[in-house]
Amino acid sequence: EIPYGKVYDAGEEGYIEATLAYKKLAQFFMAKL
């Protein structure tokens, strides 16, 4: 069950769900690679 707001946001073109885990891994790649 996913609330309306999250579903509506995810319908945007090129949407990325930048969760905390997503951000941490991206930051790791920037820092270490």
PDB file of all heavy atoms in Angstrom:
ATOM      1  N   GLU A   1       0.858  -1.191   0.000  1.00  0.00           N
ATOM      2  CA  GLU A   1       0.000   0.000   0.000  1.00  0.00           C
ATOM      3  C   GLU A   1       0.893   1.239   0.000  1.00  0.00           C
ATOM      4  O   GLU A   1       1.664   1.458   0.931  1.00  0.00           O
ATOM      5  CB  GLU A   1      -0.919  -0.011   1.213  1.00  0.00           C
ATOM      6  CG  GLU A   1      -1.944  -1.137   1.191  1.00  0.00           C
ATOM      7  CD  GLU A   1      -2.910  -1.069   2.356  1.00  0.00           C
ATOM      8  OE1 GLU A   1      -2.881  -0.057   3.091  1.00  0.00           O
ATOM      9  OE2 GLU A   1      -3.684  -2.019   2.532  1.00  0.00           O
ATOM     10  N   ILE A   2       0.781   2.017  -1.054  1.00  0.00           N
ATOM     11  CA  ILE A   2       1.631   3.198  -1.216  1.00  0.00           C
ATOM     12  C   ILE A   2       0.724   4.416  -1.289  1.00  0.00           C
ATOM     13  O   ILE A   2      -0.239   4.432  -2.072  1.00  0.00           O
ATOM     14  CB  ILE A   2       2.493   3.078  -2.484  1.00  0.00           C
ATOM     15  CG1 ILE A   2       3.321   1.782  -2.422  1.00  0.00           C
ATOM     16  CG2 ILE A   2       3.430   4.285  -2.629  1.00  0.00           C
ATOM     17  CD1 ILE A   2       4.083   1.471  -3.684  1.00  0.00           C
ATOM     18  N   PRO A   3       0.977   5.440  -0.499  1.00  0.00           N
ATOM     19  CA  PRO A   3       0.079   6.603  -0.464  1.00  0.00           C
ATOM     20  C   PRO A   3       0.045   7.367  -1.785  1.00  0.00           C
ATOM     21  O   PRO A   3       0.985   7.315  -2.590  1.00  0.00           O
ATOM     22  CB  PRO A   3       0.646   7.460   0.661  1.00  0.00           C
ATOM     23  CG  PRO A   3       2.059   7.019   0.833  1.00  0.00           C
ATOM     24  CD  PRO A   3       2.096   5.570   0.462  1.00  0.00           C
ATOM     25  N   TYR A   4      -1.060   8.081  -1.976  1.00  0.00           N
ATOM     26  CA  TYR A   4      -1.292   8.836  -3.208  1.00  0.00           C
ATOM     27  C   TYR A   4      -0.095   9.721  -3.565  1.00  0.00           C
ATOM     28  O   TYR A   4       0.350   9.738  -4.710  1.00  0.00           O
ATOM     29  CB  TYR A   4      -2.552   9.692  -3.048  1.00  0.00           C
ATOM     30  CG  TYR A   4      -2.837  10.616  -4.214  1.00  0.00           C
ATOM     31  CD1 TYR A   4      -3.721  10.253  -5.218  1.00  0.00           C
ATOM     32  CD2 TYR A   4      -2.216  11.863  -4.313  1.00  0.00           C
ATOM     33  CE1 TYR A   4      -3.982  11.091  -6.291  1.00  0.00           C
ATOM     34  CE2 TYR A   4      -2.454  12.707  -5.379  1.00  0.00           C
ATOM     35  CZ  TYR A   4      -3.337  12.319  -6.367  1.00  0.00           C
ATOM     36  OH  TYR A   4      -3.575  13.156  -7.426  1.00  0.00           O
ATOM     37  N   GLY A   5       0.411  10.468  -2.587  1.00  0.00           N
ATOM     38  CA  GLY A   5       1.476  11.427  -2.874  1.00  0.00           C
ATOM     39  C   GLY A   5       2.718  10.784  -3.446  1.00  0.00           C
ATOM     40  O   GLY A   5       3.329  11.314  -4.392  1.00  0.00           O
ATOM     41  N   LYS A   6       3.108   9.626  -2.904  1.00  0.00           N
ATOM     42  CA  LYS A   6       4.305   8.944  -3.399  1.00  0.00           C
ATOM     43  C   LYS A   6       4.069   8.399  -4.807  1.00  0.00           C
ATOM     44  O   LYS A   6       4.957   8.471  -5.666  1.00  0.00           O
ATOM     45  CB  LYS A   6       4.698   7.808  -2.453  1.00  0.00           C
ATOM     46  CG  LYS A   6       5.287   8.277  -1.138  1.00  0.00           C
ATOM     47  CD  LYS A   6       5.734   7.124  -0.265  1.00  0.00           C
ATOM     48  CE  LYS A   6       6.989   6.460  -0.786  1.00  0.00           C
ATOM     49  NZ  LYS A   6       8.177   7.325  -0.689  1.00  0.00           N
ATOM     50  N   VAL A   7       2.880   7.841  -5.037  1.00  0.00           N
ATOM     51  CA  VAL A   7       2.571   7.313  -6.366  1.00  0.00           C
ATOM     52  C   VAL A   7       2.534   8.440  -7.385  1.00  0.00           C
ATOM     53  O   VAL A   7       3.076   8.322  -8.496  1.00  0.00           O
ATOM     54  CB  VAL A   7       1.229   6.539  -6.349  1.00  0.00           C
ATOM     55  CG1 VAL A   7       0.806   6.150  -7.755  1.00  0.00           C
ATOM     56  CG2 VAL A   7       1.352   5.298  -5.471  1.00  0.00           C
ATOM     57  N   TYR A   8       1.903   9.555  -7.014  1.00  0.00           N
ATOM     58  CA  TYR A   8       1.817  10.698  -7.928  1.00  0.00           C
ATOM     59  C   TYR A   8       3.213  11.223  -8.255  1.00  0.00           C
ATOM     60  O   TYR A   8       3.527  11.495  -9.420  1.00  0.00           O
ATOM     61  CB  TYR A   8       0.961  11.796  -7.312  1.00  0.00           C
ATOM     62  CG  TYR A   8       0.723  12.967  -8.242  1.00  0.00           C
ATOM     63  CD1 TYR A   8      -0.320  12.942  -9.164  1.00  0.00           C
ATOM     64  CD2 TYR A   8       1.548  14.090  -8.217  1.00  0.00           C
ATOM     65  CE1 TYR A   8      -0.537  14.004 -10.022  1.00  0.00           C
ATOM     66  CE2 TYR A   8       1.346  15.151  -9.075  1.00  0.00           C
ATOM     67  CZ  TYR A   8       0.303  15.100  -9.978  1.00  0.00           C
ATOM     68  OH  TYR A   8       0.102  16.148 -10.846  1.00  0.00           O
ATOM     69  N   ASP A   9       4.063  11.363  -7.255  1.00  0.00           N
ATOM     70  CA  ASP A   9       5.433  11.838  -7.490  1.00  0.00           C
ATOM     71  C   ASP A   9       6.189  10.896  -8.418  1.00  0.00           C
ATOM     72  O   ASP A   9       6.935  11.332  -9.303  1.00  0.00           O
ATOM     73  CB  ASP A   9       6.184  11.966  -6.167  1.00  0.00           C
ATOM     74  CG  ASP A   9       5.705  13.134  -5.324  1.00  0.00           C
ATOM     75  OD1 ASP A   9       4.971  14.002  -5.871  1.00  0.00           O
ATOM     76  OD2 ASP A   9       6.024  13.182  -4.125  1.00  0.00           O
ATOM     77  N   ALA A  10       6.005   9.588  -8.211  1.00  0.00           N
ATOM     78  CA  ALA A  10       6.738   8.597  -9.007  1.00  0.00           C
ATOM     79  C   ALA A  10       6.288   8.568 -10.457  1.00  0.00           C
ATOM     80  O   ALA A  10       6.974   8.003 -11.310  1.00  0.00           O
ATOM     81  CB  ALA A  10       6.573   7.205  -8.391  1.00  0.00           C
ATOM     82  N   GLY A  11       5.149   9.190 -10.752  1.00  0.00           N
ATOM     83  CA  GLY A  11       4.671   9.254 -12.127  1.00  0.00           C
ATOM     84  C   GLY A  11       5.320  10.341 -12.959  1.00  0.00           C
ATOM     85  O   GLY A  11       5.058  10.453 -14.159  1.00  0.00           O
ATOM     86  N   GLU A  12       6.191  11.131 -12.340  1.00  0.00           N
ATOM     87  CA  GLU A  12       6.882  12.203 -13.066  1.00  0.00           C
ATOM     88  C   GLU A  12       7.915  11.606 -14.022  1.00  0.00           C
ATOM     89  O   GLU A  12       8.564  10.597 -13.715  1.00  0.00           O
ATOM     90  CB  GLU A  12       7.582  13.135 -12.072  1.00  0.00           C
ATOM     91  CG  GLU A  12       8.276  14.322 -12.710  1.00  0.00           C
ATOM     92  CD  GLU A  12       8.954  15.210 -11.683  1.00  0.00           C
ATOM     93  OE1 GLU A  12       9.013  14.812 -10.504  1.00  0.00           O
ATOM     94  OE2 GLU A  12       9.424  16.287 -12.054  1.00  0.00           O
ATOM     95  N   GLU A  13       8.076  12.231 -15.162  1.00  0.00           N
ATOM     96  CA  GLU A  13       9.059  11.762 -16.138  1.00  0.00           C
ATOM     97  C   GLU A  13      10.456  11.789 -15.536  1.00  0.00           C
ATOM     98  O   GLU A  13      10.885  12.770 -14.942  1.00  0.00           O
ATOM     99  CB  GLU A  13       9.017  12.642 -17.395  1.00  0.00           C
ATOM    100  CG  GLU A  13       9.976  12.204 -18.488  1.00  0.00           C
ATOM    101  CD  GLU A  13       9.879  13.066 -19.732  1.00  0.00           C
ATOM    102  OE1 GLU A  13       8.933  13.870 -19.832  1.00  0.00           O
ATOM    103  OE2 GLU A  13      10.750  12.938 -20.609  1.00  0.00           O
ATOM    104  N   GLY A  14      11.180  10.671 -15.697  1.00  0.00           N
ATOM    105  CA  GLY A  14      12.546  10.590 -15.205  1.00  0.00           C
ATOM    106  C   GLY A  14      12.673  10.540 -13.701  1.00  0.00           C
ATOM    107  O   GLY A  14      13.743  10.844 -13.147  1.00  0.00           O
ATOM    108  N   TYR A  15      11.596  10.134 -13.017  1.00  0.00           N
ATOM    109  CA  TYR A  15      11.599  10.131 -11.549  1.00  0.00           C
ATOM    110  C   TYR A  15      12.674   9.203 -10.984  1.00  0.00           C
ATOM    111  O   TYR A  15      12.892   8.098 -11.476  1.00  0.00           O
ATOM    112  CB  TYR A  15      10.235   9.707 -11.020  1.00  0.00           C
ATOM    113  CG  TYR A  15      10.140   9.649  -9.515  1.00  0.00           C
ATOM    114  CD1 TYR A  15      10.057  10.811  -8.758  1.00  0.00           C
ATOM    115  CD2 TYR A  15      10.148   8.425  -8.842  1.00  0.00           C
ATOM    116  CE1 TYR A  15       9.976  10.766  -7.381  1.00  0.00           C
ATOM    117  CE2 TYR A  15      10.065   8.363  -7.461  1.00  0.00           C
ATOM    118  CZ  TYR A  15       9.982   9.536  -6.734  1.00  0.00           C
ATOM    119  OH  TYR A  15       9.891   9.486  -5.368  1.00  0.00           O
ATOM    120  N   ILE A  16      13.341   9.667  -9.927  1.00  0.00           N
ATOM    121  CA  ILE A  16      14.299   8.867  -9.175  1.00  0.00           C
ATOM    122  C   ILE A  16      13.894   8.929  -7.701  1.00  0.00           C
ATOM    123  O   ILE A  16      13.710  10.026  -7.161  1.00  0.00           O
ATOM    124  CB  ILE A  16      15.739   9.392  -9.341  1.00  0.00           C
ATOM    125  CG1 ILE A  16      16.208   9.246 -10.793  1.00  0.00           C
ATOM    126  CG2 ILE A  16      16.697   8.659  -8.408  1.00  0.00           C
ATOM    127  CD1 ILE A  16      17.537   9.910 -11.068  1.00  0.00           C
ATOM    128  N   GLU A  17      13.742   7.775  -7.069  1.00  0.00           N
ATOM    129  CA  GLU A  17      13.435   7.762  -5.639  1.00  0.00           C
ATOM    130  C   GLU A  17      14.758   7.778  -4.877  1.00  0.00           C
ATOM    131  O   GLU A  17      15.385   6.732  -4.665  1.00  0.00           O
ATOM    132  CB  GLU A  17      12.598   6.547  -5.269  1.00  0.00           C
ATOM    133  CG  GLU A  17      12.086   6.629  -3.847  1.00  0.00           C
ATOM    134  CD  GLU A  17      11.022   5.604  -3.539  1.00  0.00           C
ATOM    135  OE1 GLU A  17      11.155   4.459  -4.012  1.00  0.00           O
ATOM    136  OE2 GLU A  17      10.057   5.934  -2.834  1.00  0.00           O
ATOM    137  N   ALA A  18      15.160   8.963  -4.497  1.00  0.00           N
ATOM    138  CA  ALA A  18      16.462   9.132  -3.842  1.00  0.00           C
ATOM    139  C   ALA A  18      16.329   8.841  -2.353  1.00  0.00           C
ATOM    140  O   ALA A  18      16.276   9.739  -1.513  1.00  0.00           O
ATOM    141  CB  ALA A  18      16.991  10.538  -4.088  1.00  0.00           C
ATOM    142  N   THR A  19      16.279   7.559  -2.009  1.00  0.00           N
ATOM    143  CA  THR A  19      16.211   7.147  -0.610  1.00  0.00           C
ATOM    144  C   THR A  19      17.541   7.422   0.079  1.00  0.00           C
ATOM    145  O   THR A  19      18.546   7.746  -0.570  1.00  0.00           O
ATOM    146  CB  THR A  19      15.894   5.644  -0.513  1.00  0.00           C
ATOM    147  OG1 THR A  19      16.968   4.911  -1.126  1.00  0.00           O
ATOM    148  CG2 THR A  19      14.581   5.314  -1.216  1.00  0.00           C
ATOM    149  N   LEU A  20      17.549   7.261   1.398  1.00  0.00           N
ATOM    150  CA  LEU A  20      18.789   7.468   2.147  1.00  0.00           C
ATOM    151  C   LEU A  20      19.869   6.506   1.669  1.00  0.00           C
ATOM    152  O   LEU A  20      21.036   6.900   1.493  1.00  0.00           O
ATOM    153  CB  LEU A  20      18.526   7.271   3.645  1.00  0.00           C
ATOM    154  CG  LEU A  20      19.733   7.465   4.573  1.00  0.00           C
ATOM    155  CD1 LEU A  20      20.290   8.883   4.455  1.00  0.00           C
ATOM    156  CD2 LEU A  20      19.335   7.155   6.019  1.00  0.00           C
ATOM    157  N   ALA A  21      19.492   5.241   1.427  1.00  0.00           N
ATOM    158  CA  ALA A  21      20.467   4.250   0.955  1.00  0.00           C
ATOM    159  C   ALA A  21      20.993   4.622  -0.436  1.00  0.00           C
ATOM    160  O   ALA A  21      22.184   4.443  -0.723  1.00  0.00           O
ATOM    161  CB  ALA A  21      19.822   2.866   0.920  1.00  0.00           C
ATOM    162  N   TYR A  22      20.113   5.148  -1.288  1.00  0.00           N
ATOM    163  CA  TYR A  22      20.509   5.600  -2.625  1.00  0.00           C
ATOM    164  C   TYR A  22      21.549   6.720  -2.512  1.00  0.00           C
ATOM    165  O   TYR A  22      22.602   6.687  -3.167  1.00  0.00           O
ATOM    166  CB  TYR A  22      19.261   6.084  -3.370  1.00  0.00           C
ATOM    167  CG  TYR A  22      19.503   6.654  -4.744  1.00  0.00           C
ATOM    168  CD1 TYR A  22      19.212   5.928  -5.890  1.00  0.00           C
ATOM    169  CD2 TYR A  22      20.010   7.950  -4.912  1.00  0.00           C
ATOM    170  CE1 TYR A  22      19.416   6.448  -7.158  1.00  0.00           C
ATOM    171  CE2 TYR A  22      20.227   8.485  -6.170  1.00  0.00           C
ATOM    172  CZ  TYR A  22      19.920   7.730  -7.279  1.00  0.00           C
ATOM    173  OH  TYR A  22      20.135   8.262  -8.523  1.00  0.00           O
ATOM    174  N   LYS A  23      21.256   7.694  -1.659  1.00  0.00           N
ATOM    175  CA  LYS A  23      22.151   8.846  -1.514  1.00  0.00           C
ATOM    176  C   LYS A  23      23.506   8.432  -0.955  1.00  0.00           C
ATOM    177  O   LYS A  23      24.555   8.905  -1.412  1.00  0.00           O
ATOM    178  CB  LYS A  23      21.508   9.891  -0.609  1.00  0.00           C
ATOM    179  CG  LYS A  23      20.281  10.567  -1.213  1.00  0.00           C
ATOM    180  CD  LYS A  23      19.639  11.512  -0.212  1.00  0.00           C
ATOM    181  CE  LYS A  23      18.391  12.156  -0.772  1.00  0.00           C
ATOM    182  NZ  LYS A  23      17.718  13.012   0.229  1.00  0.00           N
ATOM    183  N   LYS A  24      23.491   7.531   0.021  1.00  0.00           N
ATOM    184  CA  LYS A  24      24.754   7.112   0.639  1.00  0.00           C
ATOM    185  C   LYS A  24      25.644   6.376  -0.357  1.00  0.00           C
ATOM    186  O   LYS A  24      26.863   6.592  -0.397  1.00  0.00           O
ATOM    187  CB  LYS A  24      24.478   6.227   1.853  1.00  0.00           C
ATOM    188  CG  LYS A  24      23.996   6.999   3.080  1.00  0.00           C
ATOM    189  CD  LYS A  24      23.849   6.070   4.278  1.00  0.00           C
ATOM    190  CE  LYS A  24      23.487   6.843   5.534  1.00  0.00           C
ATOM    191  NZ  LYS A  24      23.355   5.957   6.724  1.00  0.00           N
ATOM    192  N   LEU A  25      25.039   5.521  -1.181  1.00  0.00           N
ATOM    193  CA  LEU A  25      25.846   4.797  -2.167  1.00  0.00           C
ATOM    194  C   LEU A  25      26.373   5.749  -3.235  1.00  0.00           C
ATOM    195  O   LEU A  25      27.535   5.647  -3.647  1.00  0.00           O
ATOM    196  CB  LEU A  25      25.011   3.688  -2.807  1.00  0.00           C
ATOM    197  CG  LEU A  25      25.753   2.772  -3.790  1.00  0.00           C
ATOM    198  CD1 LEU A  25      26.990   2.142  -3.139  1.00  0.00           C
ATOM    199  CD2 LEU A  25      24.827   1.691  -4.332  1.00  0.00           C
ATOM    200  N   ALA A  26      25.540   6.691  -3.671  1.00  0.00           N
ATOM    201  CA  ALA A  26      25.993   7.670  -4.664  1.00  0.00           C
ATOM    202  C   ALA A  26      27.130   8.516  -4.114  1.00  0.00           C
ATOM    203  O   ALA A  26      28.126   8.794  -4.805  1.00  0.00           O
ATOM    204  CB  ALA A  26      24.821   8.550  -5.099  1.00  0.00           C
ATOM    205  N   GLN A  27      27.000   8.923  -2.860  1.00  0.00           N
ATOM    206  CA  GLN A  27      28.052   9.721  -2.226  1.00  0.00           C
ATOM    207  C   GLN A  27      29.347   8.915  -2.085  1.00  0.00           C
ATOM    208  O   GLN A  27      30.445   9.454  -2.239  1.00  0.00           O
ATOM    209  CB  GLN A  27      27.571  10.216  -0.863  1.00  0.00           C
ATOM    210  CG  GLN A  27      26.508  11.299  -0.954  1.00  0.00           C
ATOM    211  CD  GLN A  27      25.781  11.532   0.357  1.00  0.00           C
ATOM    212  OE1 GLN A  27      26.007  10.834   1.354  1.00  0.00           O
ATOM    213  NE2 GLN A  27      24.881  12.514   0.375  1.00  0.00           N
ATOM    214  N   PHE A  28      29.215   7.629  -1.828  1.00  0.00           N
ATOM    215  CA  PHE A  28      30.391   6.757  -1.747  1.00  0.00           C
ATOM    216  C   PHE A  28      31.111   6.717  -3.096  1.00  0.00           C
ATOM    217  O   PHE A  28      32.343   6.832  -3.156  1.00  0.00           O
ATOM    218  CB  PHE A  28      29.965   5.348  -1.321  1.00  0.00           C
ATOM    219  CG  PHE A  28      31.095   4.359  -1.301  1.00  0.00           C
ATOM    220  CD1 PHE A  28      31.869   4.185  -0.166  1.00  0.00           C
ATOM    221  CD2 PHE A  28      31.395   3.597  -2.431  1.00  0.00           C
ATOM    222  CE1 PHE A  28      32.925   3.270  -0.155  1.00  0.00           C
ATOM    223  CE2 PHE A  28      32.438   2.681  -2.426  1.00  0.00           C
ATOM    224  CZ  PHE A  28      33.210   2.524  -1.286  1.00  0.00           C
ATOM    225  N   PHE A  29      30.354   6.550  -4.167  1.00  0.00           N
ATOM    226  CA  PHE A  29      30.956   6.509  -5.502  1.00  0.00           C
ATOM    227  C   PHE A  29      31.672   7.820  -5.820  1.00  0.00           C
ATOM    228  O   PHE A  29      32.750   7.812  -6.430  1.00  0.00           O
ATOM    229  CB  PHE A  29      29.885   6.239  -6.558  1.00  0.00           C
ATOM    230  CG  PHE A  29      29.369   4.823  -6.573  1.00  0.00           C
ATOM    231  CD1 PHE A  29      28.071   4.551  -7.000  1.00  0.00           C
ATOM    232  CD2 PHE A  29      30.167   3.762  -6.180  1.00  0.00           C
ATOM    233  CE1 PHE A  29      27.592   3.257  -7.017  1.00  0.00           C
ATOM    234  CE2 PHE A  29      29.694   2.461  -6.194  1.00  0.00           C
ATOM    235  CZ  PHE A  29      28.396   2.205  -6.608  1.00  0.00           C
ATOM    236  N   MET A  30      31.092   8.930  -5.401  1.00  0.00           N
ATOM    237  CA  MET A  30      31.725  10.226  -5.661  1.00  0.00           C
ATOM    238  C   MET A  30      33.010  10.378  -4.848  1.00  0.00           C
ATOM    239  O   MET A  30      34.021  10.873  -5.349  1.00  0.00           O
ATOM    240  CB  MET A  30      30.754  11.362  -5.342  1.00  0.00           C
ATOM    241  CG  MET A  30      29.628  11.501  -6.359  1.00  0.00           C
ATOM    242  SD  MET A  30      28.583  12.965  -6.086  1.00  0.00           S
ATOM    243  CE  MET A  30      27.603  12.433  -4.688  1.00  0.00           C
ATOM    244  N   ALA A  31      32.968   9.915  -3.602  1.00  0.00           N
ATOM    245  CA  ALA A  31      34.126  10.088  -2.719  1.00  0.00           C
ATOM    246  C   ALA A  31      35.248   9.102  -3.028  1.00  0.00           C
ATOM    247  O   ALA A  31      36.434   9.469  -3.037  1.00  0.00           O
ATOM    248  CB  ALA A  31      33.690   9.938  -1.262  1.00  0.00           C
ATOM    249  N   LYS A  32      34.898   7.851  -3.283  1.00  0.00           N
ATOM    250  CA  LYS A  32      35.911   6.802  -3.420  1.00  0.00           C
ATOM    251  C   LYS A  32      36.314   6.497  -4.865  1.00  0.00           C
ATOM    252  O   LYS A  32      37.417   5.998  -5.107  1.00  0.00           O
ATOM    253  CB  LYS A  32      35.408   5.514  -2.770  1.00  0.00           C
ATOM    254  CG  LYS A  32      35.103   5.636  -1.288  1.00  0.00           C
ATOM    255  CD  LYS A  32      36.351   5.916  -0.474  1.00  0.00           C
ATOM    256  CE  LYS A  32      36.058   5.933   1.021  1.00  0.00           C
ATOM    257  NZ  LYS A  32      37.274   6.183   1.827  1.00  0.00           N
ATOM    258  N   LEU A  33      35.426   6.798  -5.805  1.00  0.00           N
ATOM    259  CA  LEU A  33      35.730   6.504  -7.212  1.00  0.00           C
ATOM    260  C   LEU A  33      35.782   7.769  -8.065  1.00  0.00           C
ATOM    261  O   LEU A  33      35.833   7.695  -9.289  1.00  0.00           O
ATOM    262  CB  LEU A  33      34.700   5.526  -7.772  1.00  0.00           C
ATOM    263  CG  LEU A  33      34.719   4.118  -7.164  1.00  0.00           C
ATOM    264  CD1 LEU A  33      33.554   3.290  -7.686  1.00  0.00           C
ATOM    265  CD2 LEU A  33      36.043   3.420  -7.479  1.00  0.00           C
TER     266      LEU A  33
END
